[in-house]
Amino acid sequence: MGPLMTKRKIATVQATHYVDRDELTYGSKRAYAVDFYIDGRFYKRKLLPGKSEHYAISMAENWENGVLKDA
């Protein structure tokens, strides 16, 4: 058997804008987003409307520490 292959997980946090299509005005709103990467390749982005920067950072740290198995 070969060596155990572990996947390196990293995440970044950004403040971004999104269009809230539920609003009648289709207004642009600010939210945090977390980008997830596996072995340096983009995996997915999770938009977190209504959540704090602290929440987004915690989610990124949980991904990197293996607490989150799938984002």
N, C-alpha and C. Protein backbone atom coordinates (compact mmCIF):
# COMPACT_ATOMS: atom_id res chain seq x y z
N MET A 1 0.84 -1.19 0.00
CA MET A 1 0.00 0.00 0.00
C MET A 1 0.87 1.25 0.00
N GLY A 2 0.37 2.28 -0.64
CA GLY A 2 1.10 3.53 -0.69
C GLY A 2 0.88 4.35 0.56
N PRO A 3 1.56 5.47 0.66
CA PRO A 3 1.40 6.33 1.83
C PRO A 3 -0.03 6.90 1.89
N LEU A 4 -0.46 7.13 3.10
CA LEU A 4 -1.79 7.70 3.30
C LEU A 4 -1.83 9.10 2.69
N MET A 5 -2.77 9.33 1.80
CA MET A 5 -2.89 10.63 1.14
C MET A 5 -3.87 11.50 1.92
N THR A 6 -3.41 12.63 2.39
CA THR A 6 -4.30 13.56 3.07
C THR A 6 -4.51 14.76 2.17
N LYS A 7 -5.70 15.27 2.18
CA LYS A 7 -6.03 16.43 1.36
C LYS A 7 -5.87 17.68 2.20
N ARG A 8 -5.15 18.63 1.65
CA ARG A 8 -4.95 19.90 2.34
C ARG A 8 -6.14 20.81 2.05
N LYS A 9 -6.78 21.25 3.13
CA LYS A 9 -7.95 22.11 3.00
C LYS A 9 -7.62 23.51 3.52
N ILE A 10 -7.93 24.50 2.70
CA ILE A 10 -7.78 25.90 3.12
C ILE A 10 -9.07 26.63 2.76
N ALA A 11 -9.26 27.78 3.39
CA ALA A 11 -10.45 28.59 3.13
C ALA A 11 -10.09 30.06 3.25
N THR A 12 -10.79 30.89 2.50
CA THR A 12 -10.62 32.34 2.58
C THR A 12 -11.98 32.98 2.85
N VAL A 13 -11.96 34.13 3.50
CA VAL A 13 -13.18 34.87 3.84
C VAL A 13 -13.14 36.20 3.13
N GLN A 14 -14.25 36.57 2.50
CA GLN A 14 -14.37 37.86 1.82
C GLN A 14 -15.68 38.54 2.19
N ALA A 15 -15.66 39.85 2.18
CA ALA A 15 -16.90 40.62 2.24
C ALA A 15 -17.30 40.83 0.79
N THR A 16 -18.55 40.57 0.47
CA THR A 16 -19.00 40.65 -0.92
C THR A 16 -20.41 41.24 -0.98
N HIS A 17 -20.87 41.51 -2.17
CA HIS A 17 -22.24 41.97 -2.38
C HIS A 17 -22.99 40.91 -3.17
N TYR A 18 -24.27 40.83 -2.91
CA TYR A 18 -25.12 39.89 -3.66
C TYR A 18 -26.46 40.55 -3.90
N VAL A 19 -27.19 40.05 -4.86
CA VAL A 19 -28.52 40.57 -5.17
C VAL A 19 -29.53 39.68 -4.47
N ASP A 20 -30.34 40.30 -3.64
CA ASP A 20 -31.39 39.58 -2.91
C ASP A 20 -32.63 39.54 -3.80
N ARG A 21 -32.85 38.43 -4.45
CA ARG A 21 -33.97 38.30 -5.39
C ARG A 21 -35.31 38.17 -4.68
N ASP A 22 -35.29 37.99 -3.38
CA ASP A 22 -36.54 37.93 -2.62
C ASP A 22 -37.10 39.32 -2.34
N GLU A 23 -36.24 40.30 -2.44
CA GLU A 23 -36.68 41.68 -2.21
C GLU A 23 -37.38 42.20 -3.46
N LEU A 24 -38.42 42.98 -3.28
CA LEU A 24 -39.13 43.54 -4.43
C LEU A 24 -38.25 44.50 -5.22
N THR A 25 -37.28 45.11 -4.55
CA THR A 25 -36.43 46.09 -5.21
C THR A 25 -35.19 45.47 -5.84
N TYR A 26 -34.97 44.18 -5.63
CA TYR A 26 -33.76 43.51 -6.12
C TYR A 26 -32.51 44.27 -5.69
N GLY A 27 -32.48 44.67 -4.44
CA GLY A 27 -31.38 45.48 -3.94
C GLY A 27 -30.11 44.67 -3.72
N SER A 28 -28.99 45.33 -3.82
CA SER A 28 -27.70 44.72 -3.55
C SER A 28 -27.45 44.79 -2.05
N LYS A 29 -27.03 43.67 -1.49
CA LYS A 29 -26.76 43.61 -0.05
C LYS A 29 -25.36 43.10 0.18
N ARG A 30 -24.84 43.43 1.34
CA ARG A 30 -23.49 43.00 1.71
C ARG A 30 -23.58 41.72 2.54
N ALA A 31 -22.65 40.82 2.30
CA ALA A 31 -22.59 39.57 3.07
C ALA A 31 -21.15 39.08 3.06
N TYR A 32 -20.86 38.14 3.94
CA TYR A 32 -19.57 37.47 3.93
C TYR A 32 -19.70 36.19 3.14
N ALA A 33 -18.59 35.79 2.54
CA ALA A 33 -18.55 34.54 1.79
C ALA A 33 -17.27 33.81 2.18
N VAL A 34 -17.34 32.50 2.19
CA VAL A 34 -16.17 31.67 2.45
C VAL A 34 -15.90 30.83 1.20
N ASP A 35 -14.68 30.91 0.68
CA ASP A 35 -14.26 30.08 -0.44
C ASP A 35 -13.47 28.91 0.11
N PHE A 36 -13.85 27.70 -0.30
CA PHE A 36 -13.21 26.49 0.18
C PHE A 36 -12.32 25.90 -0.91
N TYR A 37 -11.13 25.45 -0.52
CA TYR A 37 -10.18 24.86 -1.46
C TYR A 37 -9.71 23.51 -0.92
N ILE A 38 -9.50 22.57 -1.84
CA ILE A 38 -8.91 21.28 -1.51
C ILE A 38 -7.69 21.11 -2.40
N ASP A 39 -6.55 20.90 -1.78
CA ASP A 39 -5.28 20.74 -2.51
C ASP A 39 -5.03 21.89 -3.48
N GLY A 40 -5.38 23.11 -3.05
CA GLY A 40 -5.12 24.29 -3.86
C GLY A 40 -6.13 24.55 -4.96
N ARG A 41 -7.12 23.68 -5.11
CA ARG A 41 -8.13 23.86 -6.15
C ARG A 41 -9.44 24.33 -5.52
N PHE A 42 -10.06 25.29 -6.19
CA PHE A 42 -11.33 25.81 -5.70
C PHE A 42 -12.35 24.67 -5.62
N TYR A 43 -13.04 24.58 -4.48
CA TYR A 43 -14.04 23.54 -4.27
C TYR A 43 -15.45 24.14 -4.35
N LYS A 44 -15.73 25.14 -3.53
CA LYS A 44 -17.03 25.82 -3.58
C LYS A 44 -17.00 27.10 -2.75
N ARG A 45 -18.00 27.94 -2.99
CA ARG A 45 -18.18 29.18 -2.22
C ARG A 45 -19.49 29.08 -1.45
N LYS A 46 -19.44 29.50 -0.20
CA LYS A 46 -20.65 29.53 0.62
C LYS A 46 -20.94 30.99 0.99
N LEU A 47 -22.06 31.50 0.52
CA LEU A 47 -22.49 32.85 0.83
C LEU A 47 -23.23 32.82 2.16
N LEU A 48 -22.91 33.77 3.04
CA LEU A 48 -23.46 33.78 4.40
C LEU A 48 -24.22 35.07 4.70
N PRO A 49 -25.34 35.31 4.02
CA PRO A 49 -26.10 36.53 4.31
C PRO A 49 -26.64 36.51 5.73
N GLY A 50 -26.54 37.64 6.39
CA GLY A 50 -27.04 37.76 7.75
C GLY A 50 -26.09 37.23 8.82
N LYS A 51 -24.93 36.71 8.43
CA LYS A 51 -23.97 36.19 9.40
C LYS A 51 -22.83 37.19 9.58
N SER A 52 -22.18 37.13 10.72
CA SER A 52 -21.11 38.06 11.05
C SER A 52 -19.77 37.61 10.46
N GLU A 53 -18.83 38.52 10.49
CA GLU A 53 -17.47 38.20 10.04
C GLU A 53 -16.88 37.09 10.93
N HIS A 54 -17.16 37.17 12.24
CA HIS A 54 -16.68 36.16 13.17
C HIS A 54 -17.20 34.77 12.78
N TYR A 55 -18.46 34.68 12.41
CA TYR A 55 -19.07 33.42 11.99
C TYR A 55 -18.35 32.88 10.76
N ALA A 56 -18.09 33.75 9.78
CA ALA A 56 -17.41 33.32 8.55
C ALA A 56 -15.99 32.83 8.84
N ILE A 57 -15.28 33.54 9.70
CA ILE A 57 -13.91 33.13 10.05
C ILE A 57 -13.93 31.79 10.77
N SER A 58 -14.89 31.61 11.66
CA SER A 58 -15.01 30.35 12.38
C SER A 58 -15.29 29.20 11.42
N MET A 59 -16.14 29.43 10.43
CA MET A 59 -16.43 28.39 9.43
C MET A 59 -15.17 28.04 8.65
N ALA A 60 -14.39 29.04 8.26
CA ALA A 60 -13.14 28.79 7.53
C ALA A 60 -12.17 27.98 8.38
N GLU A 61 -12.04 28.33 9.64
CA GLU A 61 -11.14 27.59 10.54
C GLU A 61 -11.62 26.15 10.74
N ASN A 62 -12.91 25.96 10.85
CA ASN A 62 -13.45 24.61 11.02
C ASN A 62 -13.17 23.75 9.79
N TRP A 63 -13.23 24.34 8.60
CA TRP A 63 -12.90 23.63 7.37
C TRP A 63 -11.43 23.20 7.39
N GLU A 64 -10.57 24.14 7.71
CA GLU A 64 -9.13 23.87 7.70
C GLU A 64 -8.73 22.85 8.77
N ASN A 65 -9.44 22.82 9.89
CA ASN A 65 -9.11 21.89 10.98
C ASN A 65 -9.83 20.55 10.87
N GLY A 66 -10.64 20.37 9.82
CA GLY A 66 -11.30 19.10 9.60
C GLY A 66 -12.60 18.91 10.34
N VAL A 67 -13.08 19.95 11.04
CA VAL A 67 -14.35 19.86 11.74
C VAL A 67 -15.50 19.76 10.72
N LEU A 68 -15.43 20.58 9.66
CA LEU A 68 -16.41 20.49 8.56
C LEU A 68 -15.90 19.46 7.56
N LYS A 69 -16.69 18.46 7.30
CA LYS A 69 -16.29 17.43 6.33
C LYS A 69 -16.67 17.86 4.92
N ASP A 70 -17.81 18.55 4.79
CA ASP A 70 -18.25 19.07 3.50
C ASP A 70 -18.84 20.44 3.75
N ALA A 71 -18.45 21.38 2.94
CA ALA A 71 -18.91 22.76 3.14
C ALA A 71 -20.32 22.96 2.63
